[in-house]
N, C-alpha and C. Protein backbone atom coordinates (compact mmCIF):
# COMPACT_ATOMS: atom_id res chain seq x y z
N UNK A 1 -3.11 -15.57 42.58
CA UNK A 1 -2.56 -15.20 41.28
C UNK A 1 -1.04 -15.23 41.32
N UNK A 2 -0.45 -14.73 42.42
CA UNK A 2 1.01 -14.75 42.53
C UNK A 2 1.53 -16.18 42.57
N UNK A 3 0.81 -17.04 43.30
CA UNK A 3 1.23 -18.44 43.38
C UNK A 3 1.18 -19.09 42.00
N UNK A 4 0.14 -18.78 41.23
CA UNK A 4 0.00 -19.34 39.90
C UNK A 4 1.11 -18.84 38.99
N UNK A 5 1.47 -17.57 39.12
CA UNK A 5 2.55 -17.00 38.32
C UNK A 5 3.88 -17.69 38.63
N UNK A 6 4.12 -17.93 39.92
CA UNK A 6 5.35 -18.61 40.32
C UNK A 6 5.39 -20.02 39.74
N UNK A 7 4.25 -20.72 39.78
CA UNK A 7 4.20 -22.08 39.24
C UNK A 7 4.47 -22.08 37.73
N UNK A 8 3.89 -21.11 37.03
CA UNK A 8 4.10 -21.02 35.58
C UNK A 8 5.58 -20.78 35.27
N UNK A 9 6.21 -19.86 36.02
CA UNK A 9 7.62 -19.56 35.79
C UNK A 9 8.50 -20.77 36.10
N UNK A 10 8.18 -21.47 37.18
CA UNK A 10 8.98 -22.63 37.53
C UNK A 10 8.83 -23.73 36.48
N UNK A 11 7.64 -23.88 35.94
CA UNK A 11 7.42 -24.87 34.89
C UNK A 11 8.22 -24.53 33.65
N UNK A 12 8.30 -23.23 33.33
CA UNK A 12 9.08 -22.78 32.18
C UNK A 12 10.57 -23.04 32.41
N UNK A 13 11.04 -22.75 33.64
CA UNK A 13 12.44 -23.01 33.96
C UNK A 13 12.76 -24.50 33.87
N UNK A 14 11.82 -25.32 34.31
CA UNK A 14 12.02 -26.77 34.25
C UNK A 14 12.12 -27.23 32.80
N UNK A 15 11.27 -26.65 31.93
CA UNK A 15 11.31 -27.03 30.52
C UNK A 15 12.65 -26.65 29.90
N UNK A 16 13.11 -25.44 30.20
CA UNK A 16 14.40 -24.99 29.65
C UNK A 16 15.53 -25.86 30.17
N UNK A 17 15.50 -26.18 31.47
CA UNK A 17 16.53 -27.05 32.04
C UNK A 17 16.55 -28.40 31.34
N UNK A 18 15.37 -28.97 31.11
CA UNK A 18 15.30 -30.27 30.44
C UNK A 18 15.80 -30.19 29.01
N UNK A 19 15.47 -29.08 28.33
CA UNK A 19 15.95 -28.92 26.95
C UNK A 19 17.48 -28.84 26.91
N UNK A 20 18.05 -28.13 27.88
CA UNK A 20 19.51 -28.02 27.94
C UNK A 20 20.15 -29.35 28.31
N UNK A 21 19.55 -30.02 29.29
CA UNK A 21 20.14 -31.27 29.79
C UNK A 21 20.00 -32.40 28.79
N UNK A 22 18.80 -32.54 28.21
CA UNK A 22 18.53 -33.69 27.34
C UNK A 22 18.88 -33.43 25.88
N UNK A 23 18.97 -32.16 25.49
CA UNK A 23 19.24 -31.85 24.09
C UNK A 23 20.66 -31.38 23.86
N UNK A 24 20.95 -30.18 24.34
CA UNK A 24 22.27 -29.60 24.09
C UNK A 24 23.38 -30.33 24.83
N UNK A 25 23.11 -30.79 26.05
CA UNK A 25 24.14 -31.47 26.84
C UNK A 25 24.75 -32.66 26.11
N UNK A 26 23.94 -33.65 25.71
CA UNK A 26 24.48 -34.80 24.97
C UNK A 26 25.13 -34.41 23.65
N UNK A 27 24.58 -33.42 22.96
CA UNK A 27 25.16 -32.99 21.68
C UNK A 27 26.56 -32.46 21.88
N UNK A 28 26.76 -31.61 22.87
CA UNK A 28 28.08 -31.03 23.12
C UNK A 28 29.07 -32.10 23.60
N UNK A 29 28.59 -33.04 24.40
CA UNK A 29 29.47 -34.13 24.84
C UNK A 29 29.91 -34.98 23.66
N UNK A 30 28.97 -35.23 22.74
CA UNK A 30 29.29 -36.00 21.55
C UNK A 30 30.31 -35.28 20.68
N UNK A 31 30.19 -33.95 20.59
CA UNK A 31 31.14 -33.18 19.80
C UNK A 31 32.55 -33.29 20.39
N UNK A 32 32.66 -33.28 21.70
CA UNK A 32 33.97 -33.44 22.33
C UNK A 32 34.61 -34.77 21.95
N UNK A 33 33.81 -35.84 21.99
CA UNK A 33 34.34 -37.16 21.64
C UNK A 33 34.74 -37.21 20.16
N UNK A 34 33.92 -36.62 19.32
CA UNK A 34 34.22 -36.62 17.88
C UNK A 34 35.50 -35.84 17.59
N UNK A 35 35.69 -34.72 18.26
CA UNK A 35 36.92 -33.94 18.05
C UNK A 35 38.16 -34.72 18.49
N UNK A 36 38.02 -35.47 19.58
CA UNK A 36 39.14 -36.31 20.01
C UNK A 36 39.45 -37.36 18.95
N UNK A 37 38.40 -37.92 18.33
CA UNK A 37 38.59 -38.90 17.27
C UNK A 37 39.26 -38.31 16.05
N UNK A 38 38.88 -37.09 15.70
CA UNK A 38 39.49 -36.41 14.56
C UNK A 38 40.98 -36.21 14.79
N UNK A 39 41.35 -35.78 15.98
CA UNK A 39 42.77 -35.56 16.29
C UNK A 39 43.57 -36.84 16.09
N UNK A 40 43.03 -37.97 16.55
CA UNK A 40 43.75 -39.24 16.43
C UNK A 40 43.88 -39.69 14.98
N UNK A 41 42.89 -39.33 14.15
CA UNK A 41 42.86 -39.84 12.79
C UNK A 41 43.52 -38.92 11.76
N UNK A 42 43.84 -37.70 12.14
CA UNK A 42 44.36 -36.73 11.18
C UNK A 42 45.57 -37.26 10.42
N UNK A 43 46.47 -37.93 11.12
CA UNK A 43 47.68 -38.43 10.48
C UNK A 43 47.48 -39.82 9.87
N UNK A 44 46.80 -40.70 10.62
CA UNK A 44 46.72 -42.10 10.18
C UNK A 44 45.63 -42.35 9.14
N UNK A 45 44.51 -41.63 9.21
CA UNK A 45 43.38 -41.90 8.31
C UNK A 45 42.66 -40.59 8.01
N UNK A 46 43.25 -39.73 7.18
CA UNK A 46 42.65 -38.42 6.92
C UNK A 46 41.27 -38.48 6.26
N UNK A 47 41.00 -39.53 5.49
CA UNK A 47 39.68 -39.66 4.84
C UNK A 47 38.58 -39.81 5.89
N UNK A 48 38.81 -40.69 6.86
CA UNK A 48 37.84 -40.87 7.94
C UNK A 48 37.73 -39.60 8.78
N UNK A 49 38.86 -38.93 8.97
CA UNK A 49 38.86 -37.67 9.72
C UNK A 49 37.96 -36.64 9.04
N UNK A 50 38.02 -36.57 7.73
CA UNK A 50 37.17 -35.63 7.00
C UNK A 50 35.70 -35.97 7.16
N UNK A 51 35.40 -37.28 7.17
CA UNK A 51 34.01 -37.71 7.38
C UNK A 51 33.52 -37.27 8.76
N UNK A 52 34.37 -37.44 9.76
CA UNK A 52 34.01 -37.02 11.12
C UNK A 52 33.81 -35.51 11.20
N UNK A 53 34.63 -34.76 10.48
CA UNK A 53 34.48 -33.31 10.48
C UNK A 53 33.13 -32.91 9.90
N UNK A 54 32.71 -33.59 8.84
CA UNK A 54 31.38 -33.31 8.26
C UNK A 54 30.27 -33.61 9.27
N UNK A 55 30.43 -34.70 10.02
CA UNK A 55 29.44 -35.04 11.04
C UNK A 55 29.41 -33.99 12.15
N UNK A 56 30.59 -33.51 12.52
CA UNK A 56 30.67 -32.47 13.56
C UNK A 56 29.97 -31.19 13.08
N UNK A 57 30.17 -30.83 11.83
CA UNK A 57 29.53 -29.64 11.28
C UNK A 57 28.01 -29.77 11.34
N UNK A 58 27.50 -30.98 11.01
CA UNK A 58 26.06 -31.20 11.06
C UNK A 58 25.54 -31.10 12.50
N UNK A 59 26.29 -31.66 13.46
CA UNK A 59 25.87 -31.60 14.86
C UNK A 59 25.91 -30.17 15.38
N UNK A 60 26.92 -29.40 14.94
CA UNK A 60 27.00 -28.00 15.35
C UNK A 60 25.83 -27.19 14.81
N UNK A 61 25.42 -27.50 13.60
CA UNK A 61 24.27 -26.83 13.00
C UNK A 61 23.01 -27.11 13.81
N UNK A 62 22.85 -28.38 14.22
CA UNK A 62 21.69 -28.75 15.04
C UNK A 62 21.72 -28.05 16.39
N UNK A 63 22.91 -28.03 17.03
CA UNK A 63 23.05 -27.38 18.33
C UNK A 63 22.75 -25.89 18.23
N UNK A 64 23.23 -25.26 17.17
CA UNK A 64 22.98 -23.83 16.97
C UNK A 64 21.49 -23.55 16.82
N UNK A 65 20.80 -24.42 16.08
CA UNK A 65 19.36 -24.26 15.91
C UNK A 65 18.63 -24.40 17.25
N UNK A 66 19.07 -25.33 18.08
CA UNK A 66 18.45 -25.52 19.40
C UNK A 66 18.66 -24.31 20.28
N UNK A 67 19.86 -23.74 20.24
CA UNK A 67 20.14 -22.55 21.04
C UNK A 67 19.27 -21.38 20.58
N UNK A 68 19.15 -21.21 19.27
CA UNK A 68 18.32 -20.13 18.74
C UNK A 68 16.86 -20.29 19.17
N UNK A 69 16.38 -21.54 19.19
CA UNK A 69 15.01 -21.78 19.60
C UNK A 69 14.81 -21.46 21.07
N UNK A 70 15.79 -21.83 21.90
CA UNK A 70 15.72 -21.51 23.33
C UNK A 70 15.71 -20.00 23.54
N UNK A 71 16.56 -19.29 22.80
CA UNK A 71 16.60 -17.84 22.90
C UNK A 71 15.26 -17.24 22.48
N UNK A 72 14.69 -17.77 21.39
CA UNK A 72 13.40 -17.27 20.90
C UNK A 72 12.31 -17.52 21.92
N UNK A 73 12.34 -18.70 22.56
CA UNK A 73 11.33 -19.02 23.56
C UNK A 73 11.40 -18.05 24.74
N UNK A 74 12.61 -17.62 25.10
CA UNK A 74 12.76 -16.69 26.22
C UNK A 74 12.30 -15.29 25.84
N UNK A 75 12.73 -14.81 24.68
CA UNK A 75 12.33 -13.48 24.20
C UNK A 75 12.59 -13.40 22.71
N UNK A 76 11.56 -13.16 21.92
CA UNK A 76 11.74 -13.09 20.47
C UNK A 76 12.78 -12.04 20.09
N UNK A 77 13.81 -12.39 19.34
CA UNK A 77 14.86 -11.44 18.96
C UNK A 77 14.33 -10.21 18.22
N UNK A 78 13.21 -10.36 17.50
CA UNK A 78 12.66 -9.23 16.75
C UNK A 78 12.33 -8.05 17.66
N UNK A 79 11.96 -8.34 18.92
CA UNK A 79 11.62 -7.25 19.83
C UNK A 79 12.82 -6.35 20.10
N UNK A 80 13.99 -6.95 20.23
CA UNK A 80 15.20 -6.17 20.47
C UNK A 80 15.74 -5.55 19.18
N UNK A 81 15.54 -6.25 18.07
CA UNK A 81 16.07 -5.77 16.80
C UNK A 81 15.23 -4.63 16.22
N UNK A 82 13.89 -4.75 16.35
CA UNK A 82 13.00 -3.80 15.68
C UNK A 82 12.15 -2.97 16.63
N UNK A 83 11.96 -3.42 17.86
CA UNK A 83 10.99 -2.80 18.74
C UNK A 83 9.62 -3.44 18.53
N UNK A 84 8.72 -3.26 19.50
CA UNK A 84 7.43 -3.95 19.46
C UNK A 84 6.61 -3.59 18.22
N UNK A 85 6.50 -2.30 17.90
CA UNK A 85 5.65 -1.88 16.78
C UNK A 85 6.11 -2.51 15.47
N UNK A 86 7.39 -2.39 15.15
CA UNK A 86 7.89 -2.93 13.89
C UNK A 86 7.89 -4.45 13.89
N UNK A 87 8.11 -5.06 15.07
CA UNK A 87 8.07 -6.52 15.16
C UNK A 87 6.66 -7.03 14.85
N UNK A 88 5.65 -6.34 15.34
CA UNK A 88 4.27 -6.73 15.05
C UNK A 88 3.97 -6.57 13.56
N UNK A 89 4.40 -5.45 12.97
CA UNK A 89 4.17 -5.23 11.53
C UNK A 89 4.84 -6.32 10.71
N UNK A 90 6.06 -6.66 11.09
CA UNK A 90 6.81 -7.69 10.36
C UNK A 90 6.09 -9.03 10.45
N UNK A 91 5.65 -9.39 11.64
CA UNK A 91 5.01 -10.70 11.84
C UNK A 91 3.68 -10.78 11.11
N UNK A 92 2.89 -9.74 11.22
CA UNK A 92 1.58 -9.74 10.55
C UNK A 92 1.74 -9.79 9.04
N UNK A 93 2.75 -9.11 8.51
CA UNK A 93 2.93 -9.04 7.06
C UNK A 93 3.39 -10.36 6.45
N UNK A 94 3.83 -11.31 7.27
CA UNK A 94 4.32 -12.58 6.75
C UNK A 94 3.18 -13.51 6.29
N UNK A 95 1.95 -13.19 6.64
CA UNK A 95 0.82 -14.03 6.27
C UNK A 95 0.29 -13.57 4.92
N UNK A 96 0.91 -14.08 3.87
CA UNK A 96 0.69 -13.55 2.53
C UNK A 96 -0.70 -13.83 1.97
N UNK A 97 -1.39 -14.85 2.46
CA UNK A 97 -2.70 -15.19 1.93
C UNK A 97 -3.83 -14.46 2.66
N UNK A 98 -3.47 -13.52 3.51
CA UNK A 98 -4.46 -12.81 4.31
C UNK A 98 -4.23 -11.31 4.17
N UNK A 99 -5.30 -10.58 3.85
CA UNK A 99 -5.21 -9.12 3.81
C UNK A 99 -5.19 -8.60 5.24
N UNK A 100 -4.15 -7.90 5.62
CA UNK A 100 -4.01 -7.47 7.01
C UNK A 100 -3.88 -5.96 7.10
N UNK A 101 -4.31 -5.45 8.23
CA UNK A 101 -4.13 -4.03 8.54
C UNK A 101 -3.75 -3.93 10.01
N UNK A 102 -2.87 -3.01 10.32
CA UNK A 102 -2.42 -2.85 11.69
C UNK A 102 -2.46 -1.37 12.06
N UNK A 103 -3.07 -1.09 13.21
CA UNK A 103 -3.23 0.28 13.67
C UNK A 103 -2.59 0.41 15.06
N UNK A 104 -1.58 1.26 15.16
CA UNK A 104 -0.85 1.44 16.40
C UNK A 104 -0.81 2.91 16.77
N UNK A 105 -0.64 3.21 18.06
CA UNK A 105 -0.47 4.62 18.45
C UNK A 105 0.75 5.22 17.78
N UNK A 106 0.77 6.54 17.66
CA UNK A 106 1.91 7.20 17.03
C UNK A 106 3.23 6.82 17.67
N UNK A 107 3.22 6.65 18.97
CA UNK A 107 4.42 6.18 19.68
C UNK A 107 3.96 5.40 20.90
N UNK A 108 4.54 4.23 21.05
CA UNK A 108 4.23 3.41 22.21
C UNK A 108 5.10 3.83 23.38
N UNK A 109 4.55 3.86 24.59
CA UNK A 109 5.38 4.17 25.75
C UNK A 109 6.35 3.04 26.04
N UNK A 110 7.30 3.29 26.91
CA UNK A 110 8.21 2.22 27.33
C UNK A 110 7.40 1.18 28.09
N UNK A 111 7.43 -0.04 27.60
CA UNK A 111 6.68 -1.12 28.22
C UNK A 111 7.62 -2.08 28.93
N UNK A 112 7.14 -2.66 30.01
CA UNK A 112 7.91 -3.69 30.69
C UNK A 112 8.19 -4.83 29.72
N UNK A 113 9.33 -5.49 29.88
CA UNK A 113 9.71 -6.58 28.98
C UNK A 113 8.64 -7.65 28.93
N UNK A 114 8.05 -7.98 30.09
CA UNK A 114 7.03 -9.03 30.13
C UNK A 114 5.80 -8.65 29.33
N UNK A 115 5.44 -7.36 29.35
CA UNK A 115 4.28 -6.91 28.59
C UNK A 115 4.56 -6.96 27.10
N UNK A 116 5.75 -6.51 26.70
CA UNK A 116 6.14 -6.58 25.28
C UNK A 116 6.05 -8.00 24.75
N UNK A 117 6.62 -8.93 25.50
CA UNK A 117 6.61 -10.33 25.06
C UNK A 117 5.18 -10.85 24.98
N UNK A 118 4.35 -10.53 25.98
CA UNK A 118 2.97 -11.01 25.99
C UNK A 118 2.20 -10.47 24.78
N UNK A 119 2.34 -9.18 24.49
CA UNK A 119 1.63 -8.59 23.34
C UNK A 119 2.08 -9.27 22.05
N UNK A 120 3.39 -9.43 21.89
CA UNK A 120 3.92 -10.02 20.66
C UNK A 120 3.48 -11.48 20.52
N UNK A 121 3.59 -12.26 21.59
CA UNK A 121 3.22 -13.68 21.53
C UNK A 121 1.73 -13.86 21.26
N UNK A 122 0.91 -13.10 21.98
CA UNK A 122 -0.55 -13.23 21.81
C UNK A 122 -0.95 -12.82 20.40
N UNK A 123 -0.42 -11.70 19.92
CA UNK A 123 -0.76 -11.23 18.58
C UNK A 123 -0.32 -12.25 17.53
N UNK A 124 0.88 -12.77 17.66
CA UNK A 124 1.40 -13.75 16.69
C UNK A 124 0.53 -15.00 16.66
N UNK A 125 0.19 -15.51 17.85
CA UNK A 125 -0.62 -16.72 17.92
C UNK A 125 -2.03 -16.47 17.38
N UNK A 126 -2.58 -15.29 17.68
CA UNK A 126 -3.93 -14.97 17.21
C UNK A 126 -3.99 -14.89 15.69
N UNK A 127 -3.03 -14.20 15.08
CA UNK A 127 -3.02 -14.10 13.62
C UNK A 127 -2.77 -15.47 13.00
N UNK A 128 -1.91 -16.26 13.62
CA UNK A 128 -1.68 -17.64 13.14
C UNK A 128 -2.98 -18.43 13.16
N UNK A 129 -3.77 -18.29 14.21
CA UNK A 129 -5.04 -19.00 14.31
C UNK A 129 -6.01 -18.54 13.23
N UNK A 130 -6.00 -17.24 12.93
CA UNK A 130 -6.88 -16.73 11.87
C UNK A 130 -6.51 -17.38 10.54
N UNK A 131 -5.21 -17.40 10.24
CA UNK A 131 -4.75 -17.99 8.98
C UNK A 131 -5.11 -19.47 8.91
N UNK A 132 -4.95 -20.17 10.02
CA UNK A 132 -5.09 -21.62 10.02
C UNK A 132 -6.54 -22.09 10.11
N UNK A 133 -7.38 -21.36 10.87
CA UNK A 133 -8.71 -21.90 11.18
C UNK A 133 -9.89 -21.06 10.70
N UNK A 134 -9.70 -19.75 10.52
CA UNK A 134 -10.87 -18.88 10.36
C UNK A 134 -11.44 -18.82 8.96
N UNK A 135 -10.65 -19.27 7.94
CA UNK A 135 -11.08 -19.13 6.55
C UNK A 135 -11.43 -17.67 6.26
N UNK A 136 -10.60 -16.76 6.75
CA UNK A 136 -10.84 -15.32 6.62
C UNK A 136 -10.06 -14.76 5.44
N UNK A 137 -10.53 -13.62 4.95
CA UNK A 137 -9.80 -12.91 3.89
C UNK A 137 -9.14 -11.65 4.44
N UNK A 138 -9.63 -11.15 5.58
CA UNK A 138 -9.09 -9.94 6.16
C UNK A 138 -8.89 -10.12 7.66
N UNK A 139 -7.89 -9.42 8.18
CA UNK A 139 -7.63 -9.44 9.62
C UNK A 139 -7.06 -8.08 10.02
N UNK A 140 -7.58 -7.53 11.10
CA UNK A 140 -7.14 -6.23 11.59
C UNK A 140 -6.59 -6.37 13.00
N UNK A 141 -5.43 -5.78 13.22
CA UNK A 141 -4.81 -5.75 14.55
C UNK A 141 -4.66 -4.30 14.96
N UNK A 142 -5.11 -3.99 16.17
CA UNK A 142 -4.98 -2.62 16.65
C UNK A 142 -4.60 -2.61 18.13
N UNK A 143 -3.87 -1.57 18.52
CA UNK A 143 -3.49 -1.35 19.91
C UNK A 143 -3.93 0.05 20.30
N UNK A 144 -4.60 0.15 21.44
CA UNK A 144 -4.99 1.44 22.00
C UNK A 144 -4.50 1.53 23.43
N UNK A 145 -4.19 2.73 23.87
CA UNK A 145 -3.74 2.98 25.23
C UNK A 145 -4.81 3.78 25.96
N UNK A 146 -5.11 3.33 27.18
CA UNK A 146 -6.14 3.99 27.98
C UNK A 146 -5.61 4.09 29.41
N UNK A 147 -5.03 5.23 29.72
CA UNK A 147 -4.44 5.37 31.04
C UNK A 147 -3.28 4.41 31.23
N UNK A 148 -3.42 3.49 32.16
CA UNK A 148 -2.38 2.51 32.43
C UNK A 148 -2.73 1.16 31.83
N UNK A 149 -3.63 1.13 30.88
CA UNK A 149 -4.04 -0.12 30.25
C UNK A 149 -3.70 -0.10 28.76
N UNK A 150 -3.26 -1.25 28.27
CA UNK A 150 -3.03 -1.45 26.83
C UNK A 150 -4.11 -2.40 26.33
N UNK A 151 -4.77 -2.00 25.27
CA UNK A 151 -5.83 -2.82 24.68
C UNK A 151 -5.37 -3.33 23.32
N UNK A 152 -5.32 -4.62 23.19
CA UNK A 152 -4.98 -5.28 21.92
C UNK A 152 -6.24 -5.89 21.35
N UNK A 153 -6.54 -5.58 20.11
CA UNK A 153 -7.76 -6.08 19.46
C UNK A 153 -7.41 -6.69 18.11
N UNK A 154 -7.89 -7.91 17.88
CA UNK A 154 -7.66 -8.59 16.61
C UNK A 154 -9.01 -9.08 16.11
N UNK A 155 -9.39 -8.62 14.92
CA UNK A 155 -10.70 -8.94 14.35
C UNK A 155 -10.50 -9.51 12.95
N UNK A 156 -11.22 -10.58 12.63
CA UNK A 156 -11.16 -11.15 11.28
C UNK A 156 -12.57 -11.27 10.72
N UNK A 157 -12.66 -11.51 9.42
CA UNK A 157 -13.97 -11.64 8.76
C UNK A 157 -14.25 -13.09 8.37
N UNK A 158 -13.74 -14.02 9.16
CA UNK A 158 -13.88 -15.44 8.84
C UNK A 158 -15.21 -16.04 9.23
N UNK A 159 -15.19 -17.34 9.43
CA UNK A 159 -16.44 -18.08 9.67
C UNK A 159 -16.95 -17.97 11.10
N UNK A 160 -16.19 -17.35 11.99
CA UNK A 160 -16.64 -17.19 13.36
C UNK A 160 -16.38 -18.43 14.20
N UNK A 161 -16.76 -18.35 15.46
CA UNK A 161 -16.51 -19.43 16.39
C UNK A 161 -17.67 -20.42 16.41
N UNK A 162 -17.39 -21.72 16.48
CA UNK A 162 -18.47 -22.69 16.63
C UNK A 162 -19.06 -22.60 18.03
N UNK A 163 -20.28 -23.12 18.18
CA UNK A 163 -20.96 -23.04 19.48
C UNK A 163 -20.22 -23.83 20.56
N UNK A 164 -19.54 -24.89 20.15
CA UNK A 164 -18.86 -25.75 21.13
C UNK A 164 -17.37 -25.45 21.21
N UNK A 165 -17.01 -24.17 20.98
CA UNK A 165 -15.60 -23.81 21.01
C UNK A 165 -14.98 -24.15 22.37
N UNK A 166 -13.83 -24.75 22.34
CA UNK A 166 -13.11 -25.06 23.57
C UNK A 166 -11.75 -24.39 23.54
N UNK A 167 -11.16 -24.24 24.70
CA UNK A 167 -9.84 -23.61 24.81
C UNK A 167 -8.77 -24.67 24.62
N UNK A 168 -8.15 -24.66 23.44
CA UNK A 168 -7.05 -25.58 23.19
C UNK A 168 -5.75 -25.01 23.74
N UNK A 169 -4.64 -25.64 23.35
CA UNK A 169 -3.34 -25.21 23.87
C UNK A 169 -3.04 -23.76 23.51
N UNK A 170 -3.29 -23.39 22.25
CA UNK A 170 -2.98 -22.03 21.81
C UNK A 170 -3.77 -20.97 22.55
N UNK A 171 -5.08 -21.15 22.64
CA UNK A 171 -5.92 -20.17 23.33
C UNK A 171 -5.61 -20.12 24.82
N UNK A 172 -5.38 -21.28 25.41
CA UNK A 172 -5.02 -21.30 26.84
C UNK A 172 -3.72 -20.57 27.08
N UNK A 173 -2.75 -20.76 26.19
CA UNK A 173 -1.46 -20.09 26.34
C UNK A 173 -1.63 -18.58 26.28
N UNK A 174 -2.45 -18.09 25.33
CA UNK A 174 -2.68 -16.65 25.22
C UNK A 174 -3.36 -16.12 26.47
N UNK A 175 -4.38 -16.81 26.94
CA UNK A 175 -5.11 -16.36 28.13
C UNK A 175 -4.19 -16.34 29.35
N UNK A 176 -3.36 -17.37 29.49
CA UNK A 176 -2.45 -17.43 30.64
C UNK A 176 -1.43 -16.30 30.59
N UNK A 177 -0.94 -15.98 29.39
CA UNK A 177 0.02 -14.87 29.27
C UNK A 177 -0.61 -13.57 29.75
N UNK A 178 -1.87 -13.35 29.41
CA UNK A 178 -2.55 -12.12 29.83
C UNK A 178 -2.81 -12.14 31.34
N UNK A 179 -3.32 -13.24 31.85
CA UNK A 179 -3.73 -13.30 33.25
C UNK A 179 -2.54 -13.27 34.20
N UNK A 180 -1.41 -13.83 33.79
CA UNK A 180 -0.26 -13.84 34.70
C UNK A 180 0.32 -12.45 34.91
N UNK A 181 -0.04 -11.50 34.03
CA UNK A 181 0.40 -10.12 34.18
C UNK A 181 -0.70 -9.25 34.79
N UNK A 182 -1.79 -9.87 35.22
CA UNK A 182 -2.89 -9.11 35.78
C UNK A 182 -3.86 -8.59 34.74
N UNK A 183 -3.80 -9.13 33.52
CA UNK A 183 -4.68 -8.70 32.45
C UNK A 183 -5.79 -9.71 32.20
N UNK A 184 -6.42 -9.59 31.04
CA UNK A 184 -7.51 -10.50 30.69
C UNK A 184 -7.59 -10.66 29.19
N UNK A 185 -8.24 -11.72 28.75
CA UNK A 185 -8.45 -11.97 27.32
C UNK A 185 -9.87 -12.45 27.10
N UNK A 186 -10.46 -11.99 26.02
CA UNK A 186 -11.81 -12.39 25.67
C UNK A 186 -11.88 -12.67 24.18
N UNK A 187 -12.51 -13.78 23.80
CA UNK A 187 -12.68 -14.11 22.39
C UNK A 187 -14.14 -14.43 22.14
N UNK A 188 -14.70 -13.84 21.08
CA UNK A 188 -16.13 -14.00 20.80
C UNK A 188 -16.38 -13.74 19.32
N UNK A 189 -17.56 -14.10 18.86
CA UNK A 189 -17.94 -13.78 17.50
C UNK A 189 -18.15 -12.28 17.37
N UNK A 190 -17.64 -11.69 16.30
CA UNK A 190 -17.80 -10.27 16.07
C UNK A 190 -19.26 -9.98 15.71
N UNK A 191 -19.71 -8.75 16.00
CA UNK A 191 -21.12 -8.42 15.74
C UNK A 191 -21.45 -8.42 14.26
N UNK A 192 -20.47 -8.26 13.39
CA UNK A 192 -20.71 -8.26 11.95
C UNK A 192 -20.45 -9.65 11.37
N UNK A 193 -19.23 -10.12 11.48
CA UNK A 193 -18.89 -11.47 11.04
C UNK A 193 -17.49 -11.77 11.53
N UNK A 194 -17.16 -13.04 11.58
CA UNK A 194 -15.82 -13.40 11.99
C UNK A 194 -15.66 -13.44 13.50
N UNK A 195 -14.42 -13.25 13.94
CA UNK A 195 -14.05 -13.41 15.35
C UNK A 195 -13.38 -12.15 15.86
N UNK A 196 -13.61 -11.89 17.13
CA UNK A 196 -13.06 -10.70 17.78
C UNK A 196 -12.32 -11.16 19.04
N UNK A 197 -11.01 -10.92 19.09
CA UNK A 197 -10.22 -11.27 20.25
C UNK A 197 -9.69 -9.97 20.87
N UNK A 198 -9.99 -9.77 22.15
CA UNK A 198 -9.55 -8.55 22.82
C UNK A 198 -8.75 -8.92 24.07
N UNK A 199 -7.68 -8.18 24.28
CA UNK A 199 -6.79 -8.40 25.42
C UNK A 199 -6.53 -7.08 26.11
N UNK A 200 -6.61 -7.10 27.43
CA UNK A 200 -6.27 -5.92 28.23
C UNK A 200 -5.06 -6.28 29.10
N UNK A 201 -4.05 -5.43 29.07
CA UNK A 201 -2.85 -5.64 29.86
C UNK A 201 -2.48 -4.35 30.58
N UNK A 202 -2.07 -4.44 31.83
CA UNK A 202 -1.58 -3.25 32.52
C UNK A 202 -0.20 -2.85 31.99
N UNK A 203 -0.02 -1.58 31.71
CA UNK A 203 1.26 -1.11 31.16
C UNK A 203 2.35 -1.17 32.21
N UNK A 204 1.99 -0.97 33.47
CA UNK A 204 3.00 -0.79 34.50
C UNK A 204 3.50 -2.04 35.17
N UNK A 205 3.32 -3.21 34.56
CA UNK A 205 3.83 -4.44 35.17
C UNK A 205 5.35 -4.40 35.18
N UNK A 206 5.93 -4.75 36.30
CA UNK A 206 7.39 -4.76 36.38
C UNK A 206 7.97 -5.82 35.46
N UNK A 207 9.16 -5.58 34.85
CA UNK A 207 9.80 -6.59 33.99
C UNK A 207 10.04 -7.86 34.74
């Protein structure tokens, strides 16, 4: 399990390195060249200089968006801005075509950063899947604490799982997030209707 966790982390670092090298690196180099061009043209051809400035502004906007995405991939800003409980409420409430309910403990204990991110990512992906695939009208998200375990449960009233359900990228990602922290994930048809996804995570995982 430790070896698998190391491999997952190294793969993530490789992806971030590639994004920086292949995306932001060339963009910033291009901006340097464009700024040099603007300096040369300011006196001799101000019209062309203004055009270059507009292009630089567009490239800066793209670079800023890439940086924000990298930051989000590392840790969703909502967790630091609102805390886990409010971040979950905010995310769940954005699905306007789905009636949602969220049940949380009166106060969540201090959780390791890795656990916070895992809960938020898994919950977000699960609700997204309900909206996209389940044809559900209602979805309930709840968190319970049991000793040193956190239980995340997401239930919908949709069409349920097909018999030949396979683990795609989204489900695999959720399961890997749980297992790399020593937890587990289970998804099955609910006893009444729809789908039931349950996740167990240890609270005491080091950040």
